[in-house]
C-alpha atoms as a PDB file:
ATOM      1  CA  MET A   1       6.323 -73.120  23.933  1.00  0.00           C
ATOM      2  CA  THR A   2       4.805 -75.709  26.320  1.00  0.00           C
ATOM      3  CA  CYS A   3       6.168 -79.290  26.249  1.00  0.00           C
ATOM      4  CA  ILE A   4       6.890 -82.289  28.177  1.00  0.00           C
ATOM      5  CA  ALA A   5       9.890 -84.678  28.542  1.00  0.00           C
ATOM      6  CA  ILE A   6       9.427 -88.517  28.051  1.00  0.00           C
ATOM      7  CA  ASP A   7      11.817 -90.971  28.932  1.00  0.00           C
ATOM      8  CA  ASP A   8      11.771 -94.072  31.378  1.00  0.00           C
ATOM      9  CA  GLU A   9      15.179 -93.748  32.232  1.00  0.00           C
ATOM     10  CA  PRO A  10      15.950 -90.945  35.115  1.00  0.00           C
ATOM     11  CA  LEU A  11      19.425 -89.981  34.105  1.00  0.00           C
ATOM     12  CA  ALA A  12      18.359 -89.349  30.545  1.00  0.00           C
ATOM     13  CA  LEU A  13      15.303 -87.782  31.851  1.00  0.00           C
ATOM     14  CA  LYS A  14      17.250 -85.309  34.314  1.00  0.00           C
ATOM     15  CA  LEU A  15      19.746 -84.573  31.062  1.00  0.00           C
ATOM     16  CA  LEU A  16      16.289 -83.701  28.384  1.00  0.00           C
ATOM     17  CA  GLU A  17      15.098 -81.257  31.544  1.00  0.00           C
ATOM     18  CA  ASP A  18      18.687 -79.581  31.724  1.00  0.00           C
ATOM     19  CA  ASN A  19      18.682 -79.287  28.074  1.00  0.00           C
ATOM     20  CA  ILE A  20      15.016 -78.129  27.759  1.00  0.00           C
ATOM     21  CA  ALA A  21      15.841 -75.235  30.531  1.00  0.00           C
ATOM     22  CA  LYS A  22      18.876 -73.842  28.084  1.00  0.00           C
ATOM     23  CA  ALA A  23      15.675 -72.938  25.420  1.00  0.00           C
ATOM     24  CA  PRO A  24      14.435 -69.792  26.480  1.00  0.00           C
ATOM     25  CA  PHE A  25      11.592 -70.150  24.693  1.00  0.00           C
ATOM     26  CA  LEU A  26      10.491 -73.709  26.103  1.00  0.00           C
ATOM     27  CA  ARG A  27       8.522 -74.229  29.149  1.00  0.00           C
ATOM     28  CA  LEU A  28       8.613 -77.740  30.407  1.00  0.00           C
ATOM     29  CA  VAL A  29       4.790 -78.363  31.863  1.00  0.00           C
ATOM     30  CA  ALA A  30       5.726 -81.987  32.919  1.00  0.00           C
ATOM     31  CA  SER A  31       8.388 -84.789  32.642  1.00  0.00           C
ATOM     32  CA  CYS A  32       7.340 -88.475  32.351  1.00  0.00           C
ATOM     33  CA  ARG A  33       8.559 -91.754  32.966  1.00  0.00           C
ATOM     34  CA  ASP A  34       6.420 -93.453  30.730  1.00  0.00           C
ATOM     35  CA  ALA A  35       3.905 -92.701  27.797  1.00  0.00           C
ATOM     36  CA  PHE A  36       0.701 -93.549  29.905  1.00  0.00           C
ATOM     37  CA  GLU A  37       1.620 -90.564  32.434  1.00  0.00           C
ATOM     38  CA  ALA A  38       2.722 -88.493  29.214  1.00  0.00           C
ATOM     39  CA  LEU A  39      -1.108 -89.282  27.752  1.00  0.00           C
ATOM     40  CA  LYS A  40      -2.968 -88.004  31.054  1.00  0.00           C
ATOM     41  CA  VAL A  41      -0.977 -84.827  30.860  1.00  0.00           C
ATOM     42  CA  LEU A  42      -1.693 -84.322  27.337  1.00  0.00           C
ATOM     43  CA  GLN A  43      -5.776 -85.163  28.284  1.00  0.00           C
ATOM     44  CA  GLU A  44      -5.362 -82.332  30.849  1.00  0.00           C
ATOM     45  CA  GLN A  45      -3.590 -79.558  28.816  1.00  0.00           C
ATOM     46  CA  PRO A  46      -2.722 -78.583  25.569  1.00  0.00           C
ATOM     47  CA  VAL A  47       1.336 -78.878  24.467  1.00  0.00           C
ATOM     48  CA  ASP A  48       3.283 -77.671  21.820  1.00  0.00           C
ATOM     49  CA  LEU A  49       6.057 -79.989  21.610  1.00  0.00           C
ATOM     50  CA  VAL A  50       6.772 -83.411  23.175  1.00  0.00           C
ATOM     51  CA  PHE A  51      10.473 -84.924  23.617  1.00  0.00           C
ATOM     52  CA  VAL A  52      10.474 -88.497  23.371  1.00  0.00           C
ATOM     53  CA  ASP A  53      12.314 -92.001  23.679  1.00  0.00           C
ATOM     54  CA  ILE A  54      11.244 -94.736  21.742  1.00  0.00           C
ATOM     55  CA  GLN A  55      12.233 -97.693  23.676  1.00  0.00           C
ATOM     56  CA  MET A  56      10.109 -97.723  27.017  1.00  0.00           C
ATOM     57  CA  PRO A  57       8.274-100.473  28.706  1.00  0.00           C
ATOM     58  CA  GLY A  58       4.443-100.850  28.003  1.00  0.00           C
ATOM     59  CA  LEU A  59       4.178 -98.266  25.102  1.00  0.00           C
ATOM     60  CA  THR A  60       7.305 -97.419  22.578  1.00  0.00           C
ATOM     61  CA  GLY A  61       7.336 -93.627  21.760  1.00  0.00           C
ATOM     62  CA  LEU A  62       6.330 -94.576  18.068  1.00  0.00           C
ATOM     63  CA  GLN A  63       3.316 -96.397  19.504  1.00  0.00           C
ATOM     64  CA  PHE A  64       2.534 -93.133  21.825  1.00  0.00           C
ATOM     65  CA  ILE A  65       2.919 -90.749  18.832  1.00  0.00           C
ATOM     66  CA  ALA A  66       1.011 -92.951  16.423  1.00  0.00           C
ATOM     67  CA  SER A  67      -2.141 -93.217  19.225  1.00  0.00           C
ATOM     68  CA  LEU A  68      -2.534 -89.333  19.627  1.00  0.00           C
ATOM     69  CA  PRO A  69      -5.717 -88.008  17.765  1.00  0.00           C
ATOM     70  CA  ARG A  70      -4.472 -84.449  18.080  1.00  0.00           C
ATOM     71  CA  LYS A  71      -0.531 -84.596  17.485  1.00  0.00           C
ATOM     72  CA  PRO A  72       1.648 -81.779  19.033  1.00  0.00           C
ATOM     73  CA  GLN A  73       5.112 -81.589  17.240  1.00  0.00           C
ATOM     74  CA  VAL A  74       7.242 -84.243  18.466  1.00  0.00           C
ATOM     75  CA  ILE A  75      11.255 -84.587  18.920  1.00  0.00           C
ATOM     76  CA  LEU A  76      12.223 -88.419  18.782  1.00  0.00           C
ATOM     77  CA  ILE A  77      15.539 -88.801  20.993  1.00  0.00           C
ATOM     78  CA  THR A  78      16.632 -92.333  21.266  1.00  0.00           C
ATOM     79  CA  ALA A  79      19.520 -94.364  21.298  1.00  0.00           C
ATOM     80  CA  TYR A  80      18.554 -96.435  18.327  1.00  0.00           C
ATOM     81  CA  ARG A  81      19.236 -95.218  14.896  1.00  0.00           C
ATOM     82  CA  GLN A  82      17.117 -97.915  13.141  1.00  0.00           C
ATOM     83  CA  TYR A  83      13.623 -96.696  13.619  1.00  0.00           C
ATOM     84  CA  ALA A  84      14.645 -93.244  11.803  1.00  0.00           C
ATOM     85  CA  LEU A  85      12.623 -93.737   9.130  1.00  0.00           C
ATOM     86  CA  GLU A  86       9.497 -94.763  10.815  1.00  0.00           C
ATOM     87  CA  GLY A  87       9.540 -91.980  13.100  1.00  0.00           C
ATOM     88  CA  PHE A  88       9.644 -89.565   9.803  1.00  0.00           C
ATOM     89  CA  ASP A  89       6.677 -91.220   8.509  1.00  0.00           C
ATOM     90  CA  LEU A  90       5.069 -90.207  11.606  1.00  0.00           C
ATOM     91  CA  ASP A  91       6.017 -86.480  10.771  1.00  0.00           C
ATOM     92  CA  VAL A  92       8.543 -85.914  13.392  1.00  0.00           C
ATOM     93  CA  VAL A  93      10.130 -82.684  13.581  1.00  0.00           C
ATOM     94  CA  ASP A  94      13.362 -83.965  14.491  1.00  0.00           C
ATOM     95  CA  TYR A  95      15.262 -87.612  15.264  1.00  0.00           C
ATOM     96  CA  LEU A  96      18.163 -87.324  17.831  1.00  0.00           C
ATOM     97  CA  VAL A  97      20.396 -90.231  18.648  1.00  0.00           C
ATOM     98  CA  LYS A  98      22.000 -90.048  22.416  1.00  0.00           C
ATOM     99  CA  PRO A  99      24.131 -88.796  23.519  1.00  0.00           C
ATOM    100  CA  VAL A 100      22.632 -85.537  21.787  1.00  0.00           C
ATOM    101  CA  PRO A 101      25.372 -82.716  21.522  1.00  0.00           C
ATOM    102  CA  LEU A 102      23.300 -79.454  23.336  1.00  0.00           C
ATOM    103  CA  GLU A 103      24.124 -77.362  20.076  1.00  0.00           C
ATOM    104  CA  ARG A 104      22.087 -80.614  17.965  1.00  0.00           C
ATOM    105  CA  PHE A 105      19.506 -80.372  20.303  1.00  0.00           C
ATOM    106  CA  LEU A 106      18.943 -76.492  20.441  1.00  0.00           C
ATOM    107  CA  ARG A 107      18.714 -76.907  16.705  1.00  0.00           C
ATOM    108  CA  ALA A 108      15.918 -79.183  16.903  1.00  0.00           C
ATOM    109  CA  CYS A 109      13.997 -77.322  19.331  1.00  0.00           C
ATOM    110  CA  ASN A 110      14.723 -73.573  16.544  1.00  0.00           C
ATOM    111  CA  ARG A 111      13.112 -75.996  13.852  1.00  0.00           C
ATOM    112  CA  ALA A 112      10.152 -76.802  16.153  1.00  0.00           C
ATOM    113  CA  ARG A 113       9.747 -72.872  17.097  1.00  0.00           C
ATOM    114  CA  GLU A 114      10.063 -71.974  13.428  1.00  0.00           C
ATOM    115  CA  ILE A 115       7.046 -74.525  12.605  1.00  0.00           C
ATOM    116  CA  HIS A 116       5.275 -73.242  15.447  1.00  0.00           C
ATOM    117  CA  GLU A 117       5.493 -69.357  14.613  1.00  0.00           C
ATOM    118  CA  LEU A 118       4.455 -70.211  10.997  1.00  0.00           C
ATOM    119  CA  GLN A 119       1.313 -72.125  12.142  1.00  0.00           C
ATOM    120  CA  ALA A 120       0.359 -69.693  14.205  1.00  0.00           C
ATOM    121  CA  ALA A 121       0.757 -67.079  11.664  1.00  0.00           C
ATOM    122  CA  ARG A 122      -1.564 -69.119   9.195  1.00  0.00           C
ATOM    123  CA  GLN A 123      -4.149 -69.465  12.137  1.00  0.00           C
ATOM    124  CA  GLN A 124      -4.415 -65.726  12.547  1.00  0.00           C
ATOM    125  CA  GLY A 125      -4.943 -65.589   8.685  1.00  0.00           C
ATOM    126  CA  PRO A 126      -3.211 -62.619   6.457  1.00  0.00           C
ATOM    127  CA  ALA A 127      -3.480 -59.044   8.357  1.00  0.00           C
ATOM    128  CA  PRO A 128      -6.835 -56.812   7.123  1.00  0.00           C
ATOM    129  CA  VAL A 129      -5.973 -54.436   4.386  1.00  0.00           C
ATOM    130  CA  GLN A 130      -6.107 -50.862   5.534  1.00  0.00           C
ATOM    131  CA  PRO A 131      -8.229 -48.732   2.921  1.00  0.00           C
ATOM    132  CA  ASP A 132      -5.908 -46.133   0.941  1.00  0.00           C
ATOM    133  CA  TYR A 133      -9.059 -43.588   1.139  1.00  0.00           C
ATOM    134  CA  PHE A 134     -12.154 -42.440   2.819  1.00  0.00           C
ATOM    135  CA  PHE A 135     -15.200 -40.885   2.115  1.00  0.00           C
ATOM    136  CA  LEU A 136     -16.667 -37.508   2.998  1.00  0.00           C
ATOM    137  CA  PRO A 137     -20.044 -35.940   2.141  1.00  0.00           C
ATOM    138  CA  ALA A 138     -20.580 -32.940   0.133  1.00  0.00           C
ATOM    139  CA  ASP A 139     -23.692 -31.627  -1.494  1.00  0.00           C
ATOM    140  CA  TYR A 140     -25.588 -35.035  -0.551  1.00  0.00           C
ATOM    141  CA  SER A 141     -23.123 -37.247  -1.648  1.00  0.00           C
ATOM    142  CA  GLN A 142     -19.903 -39.200  -0.746  1.00  0.00           C
ATOM    143  CA  VAL A 143     -16.824 -38.024  -2.469  1.00  0.00           C
ATOM    144  CA  LYS A 144     -14.074 -40.484  -2.294  1.00  0.00           C
ATOM    145  CA  ILE A 145     -10.619 -39.045  -1.352  1.00  0.00           C
ATOM    146  CA  GLN A 146      -7.263 -40.849  -1.372  1.00  0.00           C
ATOM    147  CA  PHE A 147      -5.082 -40.454   1.029  1.00  0.00           C
ATOM    148  CA  ARG A 148      -2.230 -40.274  -1.123  1.00  0.00           C
ATOM    149  CA  ASP A 149      -3.194 -37.752  -2.791  1.00  0.00           C
ATOM    150  CA  ILE A 150      -3.876 -35.075   0.211  1.00  0.00           C
ATOM    151  CA  LEU A 151      -1.353 -32.038   0.876  1.00  0.00           C
ATOM    152  CA  TYR A 152      -2.855 -30.813   4.045  1.00  0.00           C
ATOM    153  CA  MET A 153      -6.427 -29.671   5.294  1.00  0.00           C
ATOM    154  CA  GLU A 154      -7.424 -26.722   7.160  1.00  0.00           C
ATOM    155  CA  GLY A 155     -10.018 -26.783  10.066  1.00  0.00           C
ATOM    156  CA  LEU A 156     -12.905 -23.516   9.186  1.00  0.00           C
ATOM    157  CA  ARG A 157     -15.413 -23.681  12.278  1.00  0.00           C
ATOM    158  CA  ASP A 158     -17.921 -26.595  10.954  1.00  0.00           C
ATOM    159  CA  TYR A 159     -16.189 -27.039   7.616  1.00  0.00           C
ATOM    160  CA  VAL A 160     -13.061 -28.579   6.564  1.00  0.00           C
ATOM    161  CA  LYS A 161     -10.637 -27.841   3.464  1.00  0.00           C
ATOM    162  CA  ILE A 162      -8.967 -30.523   1.632  1.00  0.00           C
ATOM    163  CA  TYR A 163      -6.206 -29.112  -0.078  1.00  0.00           C
ATOM    164  CA  LEU A 164      -5.270 -31.943  -3.289  1.00  0.00           C
ATOM    165  CA  LYS A 165      -2.065 -32.959  -5.104  1.00  0.00           C
ATOM    166  CA  SER A 166      -4.324 -33.224  -8.017  1.00  0.00           C
ATOM    167  CA  SER A 167      -6.932 -30.024  -7.728  1.00  0.00           C
ATOM    168  CA  PRO A 168      -5.756 -26.494  -8.105  1.00  0.00           C
ATOM    169  CA  LYS A 169      -8.575 -25.857  -5.664  1.00  0.00           C
ATOM    170  CA  PRO A 170      -9.337 -27.076  -2.148  1.00  0.00           C
ATOM    171  CA  LEU A 171     -12.700 -29.149  -1.757  1.00  0.00           C
ATOM    172  CA  LEU A 172     -15.155 -28.163   1.037  1.00  0.00           C
ATOM    173  CA  PHE A 173     -16.575 -30.055   3.304  1.00  0.00           C
ATOM    174  CA  ARG A 174     -18.922 -30.070   6.316  1.00  0.00           C
ATOM    175  CA  ALA A 175     -16.846 -31.511   8.763  1.00  0.00           C
ATOM    176  CA  SER A 176     -14.394 -31.123  11.402  1.00  0.00           C
ATOM    177  CA  LEU A 177     -10.630 -31.878  12.209  1.00  0.00           C
ATOM    178  CA  LYS A 178     -11.507 -33.370  14.843  1.00  0.00           C
ATOM    179  CA  SER A 179     -13.576 -36.216  13.294  1.00  0.00           C
ATOM    180  CA  ILE A 180     -11.500 -36.663  10.511  1.00  0.00           C
ATOM    181  CA  GLU A 181      -8.348 -37.608  12.192  1.00  0.00           C
ATOM    182  CA  PRO A 182      -9.117 -40.696  13.476  1.00  0.00           C
ATOM    183  CA  GLU A 183      -9.965 -41.826  10.071  1.00  0.00           C
ATOM    184  CA  LEU A 184      -6.051 -41.349   8.300  1.00  0.00           C
ATOM    185  CA  PRO A 185      -3.788 -43.483   8.342  1.00  0.00           C
ATOM    186  CA  ALA A 186      -1.495 -43.725  11.221  1.00  0.00           C
ATOM    187  CA  GLY A 187       2.191 -42.118  10.746  1.00  0.00           C
ATOM    188  CA  LYS A 188       1.074 -40.848   7.342  1.00  0.00           C
ATOM    189  CA  PHE A 189      -0.398 -37.905   8.616  1.00  0.00           C
ATOM    190  CA  ILE A 190       0.439 -35.099  11.365  1.00  0.00           C
ATOM    191  CA  ARG A 191      -1.689 -32.492  13.537  1.00  0.00           C
ATOM    192  CA  ILE A 192       0.428 -29.520  13.661  1.00  0.00           C
ATOM    193  CA  HIS A 193      -2.023 -26.974  14.512  1.00  0.00           C
ATOM    194  CA  LYS A 194      -5.902 -26.502  15.957  1.00  0.00           C
ATOM    195  CA  SER A 195      -6.689 -25.922  11.961  1.00  0.00           C
ATOM    196  CA  TYR A 196      -4.346 -27.981  10.251  1.00  0.00           C
ATOM    197  CA  ILE A 197      -3.364 -31.547   9.691  1.00  0.00           C
ATOM    198  CA  VAL A 198      -0.432 -32.339   7.061  1.00  0.00           C
ATOM    199  CA  ALA A 199       0.490 -35.156   4.792  1.00  0.00           C
ATOM    200  CA  VAL A 200       4.072 -36.179   6.163  1.00  0.00           C
ATOM    201  CA  GLU A 201       5.113 -37.258   2.565  1.00  0.00           C
ATOM    202  CA  SER A 202       4.110 -33.707   1.553  1.00  0.00           C
ATOM    203  CA  ILE A 203       6.367 -31.894   3.737  1.00  0.00           C
ATOM    204  CA  THR A 204       9.659 -30.189   2.621  1.00  0.00           C
ATOM    205  CA  ALA A 205      10.874 -28.270   5.572  1.00  0.00           C
ATOM    206  CA  ILE A 206      10.626 -27.741   8.937  1.00  0.00           C
ATOM    207  CA  ARG A 207      11.125 -24.832  11.441  1.00  0.00           C
ATOM    208  CA  LYS A 208      10.617 -24.459  15.052  1.00  0.00           C
ATOM    209  CA  LYS A 209       7.416 -22.433  14.754  1.00  0.00           C
ATOM    210  CA  SER A 210       6.609 -23.500  11.129  1.00  0.00           C
ATOM    211  CA  VAL A 211       6.044 -26.138   8.385  1.00  0.00           C
ATOM    212  CA  PHE A 212       6.572 -25.951   4.875  1.00  0.00           C
ATOM    213  CA  ILE A 213       4.804 -27.316   2.074  1.00  0.00           C
ATOM    214  CA  GLY A 214       7.009 -26.077  -1.010  1.00  0.00           C
ATOM    215  CA  SER A 215       6.840 -22.574  -1.012  1.00  0.00           C
ATOM    216  CA  LEU A 216       3.900 -22.518   1.209  1.00  0.00           C
ATOM    217  CA  GLU A 217       4.357 -21.913   5.293  1.00  0.00           C
ATOM    218  CA  LEU A 218       2.027 -23.184   7.869  1.00  0.00           C
ATOM    219  CA  PRO A 219       2.064 -22.324  11.483  1.00  0.00           C
ATOM    220  CA  VAL A 220       3.026 -24.919  13.714  1.00  0.00           C
ATOM    221  CA  GLY A 221       0.636 -24.405  17.117  1.00  0.00           C
ATOM    222  CA  ASP A 222       2.351 -24.435  20.582  1.00  0.00           C
ATOM    223  CA  ALA A 223       0.331 -27.809  21.542  1.00  0.00           C
ATOM    224  CA  PHE A 224       1.407 -29.752  18.967  1.00  0.00           C
ATOM    225  CA  SER A 225       5.391 -28.913  18.921  1.00  0.00           C
ATOM    226  CA  GLN A 226       6.026 -32.142  20.141  1.00  0.00           C
ATOM    227  CA  ALA A 227       4.906 -33.990  17.551  1.00  0.00           C
ATOM    228  CA  ILE A 228       7.152 -32.046  15.087  1.00  0.00           C
ATOM    229  CA  ASP A 229      10.032 -33.241  17.473  1.00  0.00           C
ATOM    230  CA  ARG A 230       8.900 -36.820  17.087  1.00  0.00           C
ATOM    231  CA  LEU A 231       8.564 -36.193  13.238  1.00  0.00           C
ATOM    232  CA  LEU A 232      12.361 -34.790  13.468  1.00  0.00           C
ATOM    233  CA  ARG A 233      13.419 -37.594  15.715  1.00  0.00           C
ATOM    234  CA  PRO A 234      11.420 -40.691  15.282  1.00  0.00           C
ATOM    235  CA  ASN A 235      13.989 -42.939  16.921  1.00  0.00           C
ATOM    236  CA  GLY A 236      14.787 -40.511  20.061  1.00  0.00           C
END
C-alpha cells in the first residue's frame, strides 16, 4: 500500500516515518509538513493511505480530510482526544493518540490493509465460474459430457472413446485427445499415455508402468511417467 505522512512537527514526522518503515506492506511516497503540500502530492499520484496530524497551521487534518473529493484511507495521529468523534464521522480507519505505541500503530495499519484487500476483491468481482461439462460433436448434434461422469478417454486416431460412470458402453466421438485435453479442468484429469487420459478421482491404484481403474489396468507411457510421479508426490 502506498502512503503519505503529514505532520507539522519535524520530530513527530520522523517518528511516523520510522514506524511506517516497520510495516512491510506500506510504501511511503511522501512526507509533508502541512496539508497543502499533501494536497499537491495527492493531485500528482494516487495514494492508498494517509497518516495525518489534526492540529496544523492553515488547514487542520480534519479540514484536509473533509476537502478531499476522493478519499484514500486515513489514520489520524494527534495529541488531542477530543476530536475522536469528529474524526470517525469522517470515516477514518483509526484515531491514534500521541505518543503512539508501536504495537498500536501496527494494529491500525493492519486494519487499513484488511480494508484495502477487501475493497480490491470487491472491485475484481467474483471469480468466473468454471463449467462442469463440455460438448462434443456426434451425429450432427453436440453431446453434453459432465466432467464428473468421466472415467477415462481412449484415443483411436481420428476418434475418441469416452468411458462414463453412467453408461455401460463408451461414447464415440470424431475428435482427438489433443483437441479435448485443453477443455478439461486442471488437476482433475491426467494424460498417462498417448492414447489415454484418465480422471484422477477414478484411479484406484498406481504401479510404475500402469494405472488401475478398479480391475481395469491402463498402461503408462514413458513420456508421461513424470506426470504420475507428480500425482504421487503433489508437494514434492
